[in-house]
């Protein structure tokens, strides 16, 4: 499956469970957003697209993207820690740029965590 088409098909925001209050994601201090050098989710999307364009040209990063869902599953969350997620990959599948590439994936395809209904 072509990664960019898959990412574009995922919703970036899901509504919170009834009665749950949280700052809007565009204002929340998300680690993935900060790793891309900005403070707001809206600003991070452009940087994330550039990061993924570069990653597709890098042999190591391309391998990371190919195994992304095998290692992490099909759902990324906006509050995921890219550095922690990078540890799910073998040393041969990641380099020092892996957390930034994962941050880009989180920004483009991540969704908010929703508390289960009780």
Protein backbone atom coordinates (compact mmCIF):
# COMPACT_ATOMS: atom_id res chain seq x y z
CA UNK A 1 0.00 0.00 0.00
CA UNK A 2 1.36 3.40 -0.92
CA UNK A 3 2.14 5.12 2.38
CA UNK A 4 1.13 8.66 1.45
CA UNK A 5 -2.29 7.52 0.19
CA UNK A 6 -2.84 5.57 3.39
CA UNK A 7 -1.84 8.54 5.55
CA UNK A 8 -4.12 10.89 3.65
CA UNK A 9 -7.02 8.48 4.17
CA UNK A 10 -6.74 8.63 7.97
CA UNK A 11 -8.60 11.30 9.89
CA UNK A 12 -6.29 13.61 11.80
CA UNK A 13 -8.75 14.32 14.57
CA UNK A 14 -11.42 12.31 16.34
CA UNK A 15 -13.82 13.82 18.81
CA UNK A 16 -13.24 13.16 22.50
CA UNK A 17 -15.58 11.01 24.55
CA UNK A 18 -18.58 12.87 25.98
CA UNK A 19 -17.65 15.05 28.93
CA UNK A 20 -13.91 14.76 28.39
CA UNK A 21 -12.09 18.07 28.17
CA UNK A 22 -8.67 18.53 26.61
CA UNK A 23 -6.88 21.30 24.78
CA UNK A 24 -7.30 21.19 21.02
CA UNK A 25 -4.48 19.19 19.38
CA UNK A 26 -3.35 22.28 17.49
CA UNK A 27 -2.54 23.85 20.87
CA UNK A 28 -1.32 20.80 22.78
CA UNK A 29 2.46 20.48 23.31
CA UNK A 30 2.92 17.22 21.39
CA UNK A 31 6.41 15.73 21.30
CA UNK A 32 6.06 14.73 17.64
CA UNK A 33 5.21 18.31 16.74
CA UNK A 34 8.14 19.71 18.73
CA UNK A 35 10.53 17.22 17.08
CA UNK A 36 9.62 18.79 13.75
CA UNK A 37 10.68 22.19 15.08
CA UNK A 38 7.31 23.87 15.54
CA UNK A 39 4.74 24.30 18.30
CA UNK A 40 1.42 23.74 16.53
CA UNK A 41 0.09 20.65 14.79
CA UNK A 42 -1.11 22.69 11.82
CA UNK A 43 2.42 24.04 11.27
CA UNK A 44 3.95 20.59 11.64
CA UNK A 45 2.09 19.04 8.72
CA UNK A 46 4.16 20.78 6.06
CA UNK A 47 7.39 19.86 7.82
CA UNK A 48 6.16 16.28 8.20
CA UNK A 49 5.51 16.01 4.46
CA UNK A 50 9.05 17.26 3.75
CA UNK A 51 10.51 14.82 6.26
CA UNK A 52 8.71 11.90 4.63
CA UNK A 53 9.78 12.99 1.14
CA UNK A 54 13.38 12.86 2.32
CA UNK A 55 12.84 9.58 4.14
CA UNK A 56 11.65 7.89 0.96
CA UNK A 57 15.04 8.68 -0.63
CA UNK A 58 17.06 7.26 2.28
CA UNK A 59 17.65 3.50 2.27
CA UNK A 60 17.46 3.15 6.05
CA UNK A 61 14.40 5.39 6.46
CA UNK A 62 12.64 3.73 3.54
CA UNK A 63 13.07 0.39 5.31
CA UNK A 64 11.66 1.90 8.49
CA UNK A 65 8.59 3.11 6.58
CA UNK A 66 8.14 -0.28 4.93
CA UNK A 67 8.06 -2.00 8.34
CA UNK A 68 6.19 0.75 10.19
CA UNK A 69 2.90 -1.08 10.64
CA UNK A 70 4.55 -4.48 11.17
CA UNK A 71 6.41 -3.05 14.18
CA UNK A 72 3.91 -0.52 15.55
CA UNK A 73 0.49 -1.67 14.43
CA UNK A 74 -2.00 0.23 12.30
CA UNK A 75 -2.80 3.07 14.70
CA UNK A 76 -0.56 5.95 15.65
CA UNK A 77 -1.66 8.42 18.31
CA UNK A 78 -0.87 12.12 18.39
CA UNK A 79 0.60 11.80 21.88
CA UNK A 80 2.93 8.89 20.98
CA UNK A 81 6.61 9.38 21.75
CA UNK A 82 8.59 9.04 18.48
CA UNK A 83 11.82 8.18 20.33
CA UNK A 84 10.15 5.38 22.23
CA UNK A 85 8.48 4.05 19.08
CA UNK A 86 11.85 4.01 17.29
CA UNK A 87 13.04 1.40 19.79
CA UNK A 88 10.58 -1.08 18.26
CA UNK A 89 12.83 -1.29 15.19
CA UNK A 90 16.04 -3.29 14.84
CA UNK A 91 19.29 -1.32 14.75
CA UNK A 92 19.60 -2.05 11.03
CA UNK A 93 16.15 -0.52 10.38
CA UNK A 94 16.78 2.80 12.12
CA UNK A 95 19.29 5.59 12.32
CA UNK A 96 19.44 8.89 14.17
CA UNK A 97 16.68 10.29 11.94
CA UNK A 98 14.17 7.52 12.75
CA UNK A 99 12.43 9.44 15.57
CA UNK A 100 11.94 12.44 13.27
CA UNK A 101 10.50 10.22 10.52
CA UNK A 102 8.18 8.63 13.07
CA UNK A 103 7.22 12.10 14.31
CA UNK A 104 6.23 12.96 10.75
CA UNK A 105 4.09 9.82 10.52
CA UNK A 106 2.43 10.67 13.84
CA UNK A 107 1.67 14.23 12.72
CA UNK A 108 0.17 13.10 9.41
CA UNK A 109 -1.60 9.90 10.43
CA UNK A 110 -2.00 10.09 14.20
CA UNK A 111 -5.30 10.39 15.97
CA UNK A 112 -6.32 11.44 19.42
CA UNK A 113 -6.70 8.83 22.13
CA UNK A 114 -10.30 8.38 23.10
CA UNK A 115 -11.23 7.02 26.51
CA UNK A 116 -13.45 3.93 26.27
CA UNK A 117 -17.10 4.52 27.06
CA UNK A 118 -18.07 3.14 30.44
